[in-house]
Structure formats: C-alpha cells, structure tokens
Amino acid sequence: MDMITRDDALAIDESFGRLPEMLVGRGITLKQKRGYKAGKLTATRNWCHLVDRDMPRVCLPNSQGQLKTWKLFARFDATQPPSWPWDRPSRSETRKVPGVISGDDVWGLAYEDVEEWVKATPYSEILEPIADALQTSFDYSVRRYR
C-alpha cells in the first residue's frame, strides 16, 4: 500500500474535523490537547486519540508490520472488534509515541485505509459509521476502566 498523498490527507482531516461535534450530540466530549483531541475517562486514562490536522503524522506499523499513517485510535472489546477499515496498530510501537493510547484493546483508523474506503463511499457517508464505532468504544471503555 502506498503512503497517502498530502491532498488526500487534508481531505480526510477536513472530514474528521466534524467528528467532535457529532460526538457531543451523543453526550461524548473530546478534550483538546496539544496536537490531538483525547477522550478522557480519568485523569490518566484516555479511551481515544484523534490526531489534529496540523500536527506531524503518526506513522507506525500495524500488527502485521505494514507501515501506516494513523489518524484515530480507540479502545474496543476484544470479543467485539471493529470491522475494516479499523486496524490494529503495533502495541509495542504505540507505547513509544507520547500521548498515543496503547494496549491490547487499541484499534486505529489509518489514512491509507480511509482513502480506500472513500473510493466506494463518499466522505459525507463515512462519519456516521465512525461515530457509531466511537460510541461502542466509549461504552466499552467506561465499563472496563471506570
């Protein structure tokens, strides 16, 4: 898989910029941090991490060793993992990136996979399934970590 182009990344960033507002409508708030938005559970535990558009890209391998550029990370129950385009980042590599959540229950959305997804589905139709997945992630995280 080729690395994503700058223009495609900007289009994805633009689209994902609407996610926080969509989540507020569901009673979920993402807290603005330096360079990302975090879904906070406690003072030390986050359930999601959304990379801001003007920050350096987070490039890490997935669990199969394929290098990807990650936009969003979230926690999911291992018995009900999210479907594609969600993928598992390498746990050992996510631990090395400040602020990025890590663990056996972390999944992510990579720019490259979102780019493939929008070839068949317009940007206007991808946000609702992502918001649904984040609702599932939030519900799981509250049950597990609070």
C-alpha atoms as a PDB file:
ATOM      1  CA  MET A   1       0.000   0.000   0.000  1.00  0.00           C
ATOM      2  CA  ASP A   2       1.364   3.422  -0.938  1.00  0.00           C
ATOM      3  CA  MET A   3       1.699   6.233   1.565  1.00  0.00           C
ATOM      4  CA  ILE A   4      -1.120   8.742   1.418  1.00  0.00           C
ATOM      5  CA  THR A   5      -0.762  11.963  -0.563  1.00  0.00           C
ATOM      6  CA  ARG A   6      -0.876  15.333   1.163  1.00  0.00           C
ATOM      7  CA  ASP A   7      -4.105  16.322  -0.618  1.00  0.00           C
ATOM      8  CA  ASP A   8      -5.847  13.090   0.387  1.00  0.00           C
ATOM      9  CA  ALA A   9      -4.673  13.517   3.987  1.00  0.00           C
ATOM     10  CA  LEU A  10      -6.043  17.061   4.055  1.00  0.00           C
ATOM     11  CA  ALA A  11      -9.414  15.865   2.727  1.00  0.00           C
ATOM     12  CA  ILE A  12      -9.554  13.213   5.470  1.00  0.00           C
ATOM     13  CA  ASP A  13      -8.529  15.784   8.102  1.00  0.00           C
ATOM     14  CA  GLU A  14     -11.282  18.117   6.905  1.00  0.00           C
ATOM     15  CA  SER A  15     -13.875  15.356   7.126  1.00  0.00           C
ATOM     16  CA  PHE A  16     -12.711  14.060  10.528  1.00  0.00           C
ATOM     17  CA  GLY A  17     -12.771  17.627  11.873  1.00  0.00           C
ATOM     18  CA  ARG A  18     -16.542  17.236  12.222  1.00  0.00           C
ATOM     19  CA  LEU A  19     -16.315  14.152  14.472  1.00  0.00           C
ATOM     20  CA  PRO A  20     -16.036  16.007  17.819  1.00  0.00           C
ATOM     21  CA  GLU A  21     -19.287  17.888  17.121  1.00  0.00           C
ATOM     22  CA  MET A  22     -21.033  14.667  16.157  1.00  0.00           C
ATOM     23  CA  LEU A  23     -19.903  13.024  19.393  1.00  0.00           C
ATOM     24  CA  VAL A  24     -21.105  15.954  21.531  1.00  0.00           C
ATOM     25  CA  GLY A  25     -24.573  15.223  20.156  1.00  0.00           C
ATOM     26  CA  ARG A  26     -24.179  11.742  21.668  1.00  0.00           C
ATOM     27  CA  GLY A  27     -23.056  13.087  25.024  1.00  0.00           C
ATOM     28  CA  ILE A  28     -19.353  12.353  24.398  1.00  0.00           C
ATOM     29  CA  THR A  29     -16.788  15.129  24.684  1.00  0.00           C
ATOM     30  CA  LEU A  30     -13.250  15.077  23.319  1.00  0.00           C
ATOM     31  CA  LYS A  31     -10.831  17.284  25.224  1.00  0.00           C
ATOM     32  CA  GLN A  32      -8.433  19.448  23.210  1.00  0.00           C
ATOM     33  CA  LYS A  33      -4.812  18.659  23.990  1.00  0.00           C
ATOM     34  CA  ARG A  34      -1.640  19.895  22.325  1.00  0.00           C
ATOM     35  CA  GLY A  35      -1.844  18.404  18.828  1.00  0.00           C
ATOM     36  CA  TYR A  36      -4.721  15.998  19.407  1.00  0.00           C
ATOM     37  CA  LYS A  37      -8.140  15.533  20.931  1.00  0.00           C
ATOM     38  CA  ALA A  38      -8.491  12.998  23.722  1.00  0.00           C
ATOM     39  CA  GLY A  39     -11.453  11.089  25.006  1.00  0.00           C
ATOM     40  CA  LYS A  40     -10.765  11.189  28.753  1.00  0.00           C
ATOM     41  CA  LEU A  41     -12.037   8.572  31.206  1.00  0.00           C
ATOM     42  CA  THR A  42      -9.925   9.521  34.205  1.00  0.00           C
ATOM     43  CA  ALA A  43      -7.015  11.864  34.812  1.00  0.00           C
ATOM     44  CA  THR A  44      -4.611   9.218  33.493  1.00  0.00           C
ATOM     45  CA  ARG A  45      -6.723   7.086  31.135  1.00  0.00           C
ATOM     46  CA  ASN A  46      -7.880   8.006  27.623  1.00  0.00           C
ATOM     47  CA  TRP A  47     -10.275   5.931  25.527  1.00  0.00           C
ATOM     48  CA  CYS A  48      -9.496   7.613  22.188  1.00  0.00           C
ATOM     49  CA  HIS A  49      -6.925   9.829  20.483  1.00  0.00           C
ATOM     50  CA  LEU A  50      -7.724  11.913  17.376  1.00  0.00           C
ATOM     51  CA  VAL A  51      -4.657  13.475  15.715  1.00  0.00           C
ATOM     52  CA  ASP A  52      -5.166  17.140  14.799  1.00  0.00           C
ATOM     53  CA  ARG A  53      -4.782  18.141  11.163  1.00  0.00           C
ATOM     54  CA  ASP A  54      -1.786  20.444  11.586  1.00  0.00           C
ATOM     55  CA  MET A  55       0.322  18.054  13.630  1.00  0.00           C
ATOM     56  CA  PRO A  56       3.042  15.723  12.373  1.00  0.00           C
ATOM     57  CA  ARG A  57       1.642  12.429  11.121  1.00  0.00           C
ATOM     58  CA  VAL A  58       1.823   9.360  13.359  1.00  0.00           C
ATOM     59  CA  CYS A  59       3.497   6.673  11.208  1.00  0.00           C
ATOM     60  CA  LEU A  60       3.626   3.246  12.839  1.00  0.00           C
ATOM     61  CA  PRO A  61       3.348  -0.349  11.670  1.00  0.00           C
ATOM     62  CA  ASN A  62       0.115  -2.233  12.113  1.00  0.00           C
ATOM     63  CA  SER A  63       0.096  -5.600  13.890  1.00  0.00           C
ATOM     64  CA  GLN A  64       1.213  -7.283  10.622  1.00  0.00           C
ATOM     65  CA  GLY A  65       4.215  -4.944  10.270  1.00  0.00           C
ATOM     66  CA  GLN A  66       2.767  -2.810   7.438  1.00  0.00           C
ATOM     67  CA  LEU A  67       3.647   0.885   7.882  1.00  0.00           C
ATOM     68  CA  LYS A  68       0.561   3.115   8.087  1.00  0.00           C
ATOM     69  CA  THR A  69      -0.205   6.751   8.862  1.00  0.00           C
ATOM     70  CA  TRP A  70      -2.673   6.813  11.753  1.00  0.00           C
ATOM     71  CA  LYS A  71      -5.434   9.398  12.266  1.00  0.00           C
ATOM     72  CA  LEU A  72      -7.506   7.960  15.117  1.00  0.00           C
ATOM     73  CA  PHE A  73      -7.019   5.436  17.914  1.00  0.00           C
ATOM     74  CA  ALA A  74      -9.752   3.984  20.158  1.00  0.00           C
ATOM     75  CA  ARG A  75     -10.290   1.111  22.605  1.00  0.00           C
ATOM     76  CA  PHE A  76     -12.569  -1.822  21.709  1.00  0.00           C
ATOM     77  CA  ASP A  77     -13.640  -5.033  23.420  1.00  0.00           C
ATOM     78  CA  ALA A  78     -11.576  -7.929  22.029  1.00  0.00           C
ATOM     79  CA  THR A  79     -14.728 -10.062  21.830  1.00  0.00           C
ATOM     80  CA  GLN A  80     -16.350  -7.466  19.539  1.00  0.00           C
ATOM     81  CA  PRO A  81     -13.544  -5.895  17.489  1.00  0.00           C
ATOM     82  CA  PRO A  82     -14.406  -3.233  14.943  1.00  0.00           C
ATOM     83  CA  SER A  83     -14.507  -4.138  11.284  1.00  0.00           C
ATOM     84  CA  TRP A  84     -12.429  -2.755   8.424  1.00  0.00           C
ATOM     85  CA  PRO A  85     -11.255  -0.046   7.938  1.00  0.00           C
ATOM     86  CA  TRP A  86     -10.257  -0.267  11.611  1.00  0.00           C
ATOM     87  CA  ASP A  87      -6.880  -1.975  12.057  1.00  0.00           C
ATOM     88  CA  ARG A  88      -4.596  -2.830  14.962  1.00  0.00           C
ATOM     89  CA  PRO A  89      -1.507  -0.692  15.372  1.00  0.00           C
ATOM     90  CA  SER A  90       1.593  -2.401  16.725  1.00  0.00           C
ATOM     91  CA  ARG A  91       1.256  -2.270  20.504  1.00  0.00           C
ATOM     92  CA  SER A  92       4.996  -2.065  21.081  1.00  0.00           C
ATOM     93  CA  GLU A  93       5.260   0.908  18.727  1.00  0.00           C
ATOM     94  CA  THR A  94       2.285   2.897  20.068  1.00  0.00           C
ATOM     95  CA  ARG A  95       3.902   2.885  23.509  1.00  0.00           C
ATOM     96  CA  LYS A  96       6.804   4.897  22.070  1.00  0.00           C
ATOM     97  CA  VAL A  97       4.651   7.810  20.836  1.00  0.00           C
ATOM     98  CA  PRO A  98       3.819  10.400  23.528  1.00  0.00           C
ATOM     99  CA  GLY A  99       0.106  10.831  24.079  1.00  0.00           C
ATOM    100  CA  VAL A 100      -0.992   7.931  21.846  1.00  0.00           C
ATOM    101  CA  ILE A 101      -3.032   5.312  23.678  1.00  0.00           C
ATOM    102  CA  SER A 102      -1.706   1.768  23.672  1.00  0.00           C
ATOM    103  CA  GLY A 103      -2.792  -1.651  24.840  1.00  0.00           C
ATOM    104  CA  ASP A 104      -4.252  -4.926  23.649  1.00  0.00           C
ATOM    105  CA  ASP A 105      -7.631  -3.252  23.147  1.00  0.00           C
ATOM    106  CA  VAL A 106      -6.451  -0.374  20.903  1.00  0.00           C
ATOM    107  CA  TRP A 107      -7.504  -0.192  17.251  1.00  0.00           C
ATOM    108  CA  GLY A 108      -6.977   2.639  14.817  1.00  0.00           C
ATOM    109  CA  LEU A 109      -8.007   4.239  11.566  1.00  0.00           C
ATOM    110  CA  ALA A 110      -5.168   4.895   9.143  1.00  0.00           C
ATOM    111  CA  TYR A 111      -5.284   7.481   6.397  1.00  0.00           C
ATOM    112  CA  GLU A 112      -4.474   4.800   3.803  1.00  0.00           C
ATOM    113  CA  ASP A 113      -7.493   2.670   4.789  1.00  0.00           C
ATOM    114  CA  VAL A 114      -9.843   5.644   4.935  1.00  0.00           C
ATOM    115  CA  GLU A 115      -8.624   6.645   1.468  1.00  0.00           C
ATOM    116  CA  GLU A 116      -9.566   3.162   0.181  1.00  0.00           C
ATOM    117  CA  TRP A 117     -12.932   3.391   1.927  1.00  0.00           C
ATOM    118  CA  VAL A 118     -13.869   6.714   0.321  1.00  0.00           C
ATOM    119  CA  LYS A 119     -13.257   5.277  -3.142  1.00  0.00           C
ATOM    120  CA  ALA A 120     -16.512   3.374  -2.630  1.00  0.00           C
ATOM    121  CA  THR A 121     -18.233   5.596  -0.053  1.00  0.00           C
ATOM    122  CA  PRO A 122     -18.378   9.416  -0.113  1.00  0.00           C
ATOM    123  CA  TYR A 123     -16.846  11.368   2.768  1.00  0.00           C
ATOM    124  CA  SER A 124     -20.332  12.513   3.712  1.00  0.00           C
ATOM    125  CA  GLU A 125     -21.262   8.892   4.497  1.00  0.00           C
ATOM    126  CA  ILE A 126     -18.209   7.701   6.432  1.00  0.00           C
ATOM    127  CA  LEU A 127     -18.536   9.844   9.548  1.00  0.00           C
ATOM    128  CA  GLU A 128     -21.712   8.259  10.910  1.00  0.00           C
ATOM    129  CA  PRO A 129     -20.228   4.706  10.977  1.00  0.00           C
ATOM    130  CA  ILE A 130     -17.071   6.105  12.601  1.00  0.00           C
ATOM    131  CA  ALA A 131     -19.151   7.941  15.219  1.00  0.00           C
ATOM    132  CA  ASP A 132     -21.107   4.707  15.833  1.00  0.00           C
ATOM    133  CA  ALA A 133     -17.834   2.814  16.336  1.00  0.00           C
ATOM    134  CA  LEU A 134     -16.587   5.517  18.718  1.00  0.00           C
ATOM    135  CA  GLN A 135     -19.834   5.249  20.685  1.00  0.00           C
ATOM    136  CA  THR A 136     -19.199   1.497  21.005  1.00  0.00           C
ATOM    137  CA  SER A 137     -15.599   2.215  22.036  1.00  0.00           C
ATOM    138  CA  PHE A 138     -16.690   4.762  24.628  1.00  0.00           C
ATOM    139  CA  ASP A 139     -19.310   2.412  26.121  1.00  0.00           C
ATOM    140  CA  TYR A 140     -16.762  -0.422  26.344  1.00  0.00           C
ATOM    141  CA  SER A 141     -14.114   1.850  27.870  1.00  0.00           C
ATOM    142  CA  VAL A 142     -16.488   3.193  30.517  1.00  0.00           C
ATOM    143  CA  ARG A 143     -17.437  -0.365  31.526  1.00  0.00           C
ATOM    144  CA  ARG A 144     -13.825  -1.540  31.625  1.00  0.00           C
ATOM    145  CA  TYR A 145     -11.892   1.405  33.012  1.00  0.00           C
ATOM    146  CA  ARG A 146     -14.181   3.477  35.247  1.00  0.00           C
END
